[in-house]
């Protein structure tokens, strides 16, 4: 069968990555450019996008940018010992993180 890949979101908690690997029969690999990926059957990856996770946000986004992403996507903002986290399905968090990155690029004129 053909294997497909999906990018591992930066900030994903290692325990949750392990849970996803076990539950959806995924492998983890690194691309030749250093990107960490989940690898598996297409249907398993589709199911994995609905898995609820917490992702720690890196330094950089403003409160306004984070609030905008929380308002736009079905995610919640949580505080943890390691900093602010987005809580929601993998797919929604991925969309929210991409949105935050786009807002930051726009702000920084990159």
Protein backbone atom coordinates (compact mmCIF):
# COMPACT_ATOMS: atom_id res chain seq x y z
CA UNK A 1 0.00 0.00 0.00
CA UNK A 2 1.04 3.59 -0.62
CA UNK A 3 2.15 5.53 2.46
CA UNK A 4 1.29 9.20 2.88
CA UNK A 5 2.78 11.83 5.18
CA UNK A 6 1.54 14.67 7.36
CA UNK A 7 3.71 17.30 9.04
CA UNK A 8 4.07 17.05 12.81
CA UNK A 9 3.05 20.40 14.28
CA UNK A 10 5.88 22.11 16.12
CA UNK A 11 5.03 22.30 19.81
CA UNK A 12 3.06 19.03 19.85
CA UNK A 13 3.54 17.34 23.21
CA UNK A 14 5.72 14.19 22.81
CA UNK A 15 3.26 12.05 24.80
CA UNK A 16 0.48 13.05 22.44
CA UNK A 17 2.64 12.26 19.39
CA UNK A 18 3.22 8.79 20.86
CA UNK A 19 -0.53 8.37 21.43
CA UNK A 20 -1.24 9.29 17.81
CA UNK A 21 1.43 6.88 16.55
CA UNK A 22 -0.07 4.03 18.57
CA UNK A 23 -3.74 4.79 17.95
CA UNK A 24 -3.52 5.43 14.20
CA UNK A 25 -0.69 3.00 13.34
CA UNK A 26 1.64 5.78 12.19
CA UNK A 27 5.39 6.01 11.84
CA UNK A 28 7.48 9.09 12.47
CA UNK A 29 10.19 10.10 10.05
CA UNK A 30 12.36 13.07 9.18
CA UNK A 31 12.57 14.51 5.68
CA UNK A 32 15.90 15.33 4.08
CA UNK A 33 15.19 18.99 4.93
CA UNK A 34 14.68 18.19 8.63
CA UNK A 35 10.89 18.34 8.79
CA UNK A 36 9.36 15.75 11.15
CA UNK A 37 6.45 13.85 9.58
CA UNK A 38 3.85 11.27 10.49
CA UNK A 39 3.68 8.51 7.88
CA UNK A 40 0.79 6.11 7.40
CA UNK A 41 -2.18 5.01 5.36
CA UNK A 42 -4.30 7.87 4.04
CA UNK A 43 -7.37 6.89 6.07
CA UNK A 44 -5.31 6.62 9.29
CA UNK A 45 -3.87 10.11 8.68
CA UNK A 46 -7.38 11.47 8.06
CA UNK A 47 -8.56 10.03 11.37
CA UNK A 48 -5.46 11.41 13.12
CA UNK A 49 -6.40 14.96 12.06
CA UNK A 50 -9.44 14.67 14.35
CA UNK A 51 -7.29 13.70 17.37
CA UNK A 52 -7.53 16.29 20.17
CA UNK A 53 -4.11 17.66 21.18
CA UNK A 54 -2.35 20.52 22.97
CA UNK A 55 0.32 22.48 21.11
CA UNK A 56 2.67 24.87 22.88
CA UNK A 57 2.97 28.20 21.09
CA UNK A 58 6.47 29.52 20.42
CA UNK A 59 7.49 33.05 21.44
CA UNK A 60 6.62 35.68 18.87
CA UNK A 61 2.88 35.95 18.23
CA UNK A 62 1.12 38.91 19.80
CA UNK A 63 -1.93 38.55 22.03
CA UNK A 64 -4.01 40.02 19.19
CA UNK A 65 -2.73 37.43 16.70
CA UNK A 66 -3.43 34.55 19.09
CA UNK A 67 -6.91 35.89 19.90
CA UNK A 68 -7.66 36.26 16.20
CA UNK A 69 -6.73 32.60 15.59
CA UNK A 70 -8.79 31.41 18.58
CA UNK A 71 -11.80 33.39 17.30
CA UNK A 72 -11.40 32.12 13.72
CA UNK A 73 -10.76 28.41 14.43
CA UNK A 74 -12.30 25.86 16.77
CA UNK A 75 -9.43 25.95 19.30
CA UNK A 76 -9.07 27.05 22.89
CA UNK A 77 -6.21 28.88 24.55
CA UNK A 78 -4.81 27.22 27.69
CA UNK A 79 -2.01 28.18 30.04
CA UNK A 80 0.50 25.54 31.07
CA UNK A 81 3.82 25.34 32.87
CA UNK A 82 5.58 25.51 29.50
CA UNK A 83 3.61 28.52 28.21
CA UNK A 84 0.43 29.18 26.26
CA UNK A 85 -1.07 26.24 24.40
CA UNK A 86 -3.75 25.77 21.79
CA UNK A 87 -6.19 22.93 22.52
CA UNK A 88 -8.32 21.34 19.81
CA UNK A 89 -8.25 18.86 16.97
CA UNK A 90 -4.97 18.40 15.13
CA UNK A 91 -6.51 19.82 11.96
CA UNK A 92 -7.94 22.94 13.62
CA UNK A 93 -4.70 23.62 15.49
CA UNK A 94 -2.71 23.19 12.29
CA UNK A 95 -4.98 25.72 10.57
CA UNK A 96 -4.73 28.13 13.52
CA UNK A 97 -0.93 27.88 13.67
CA UNK A 98 -0.64 28.48 9.92
CA UNK A 99 -2.93 31.50 10.30
CA UNK A 100 -0.78 32.89 13.15
CA UNK A 101 2.35 32.41 11.03
CA UNK A 102 0.70 34.29 8.14
CA UNK A 103 -0.27 37.15 10.49
CA UNK A 104 3.27 37.31 11.87
CA UNK A 105 4.77 37.35 8.35
CA UNK A 106 2.43 40.17 7.43
CA UNK A 107 3.34 42.12 10.57
CA UNK A 108 7.05 41.59 10.05
CA UNK A 109 6.75 42.24 6.30
CA UNK A 110 8.50 38.99 5.34
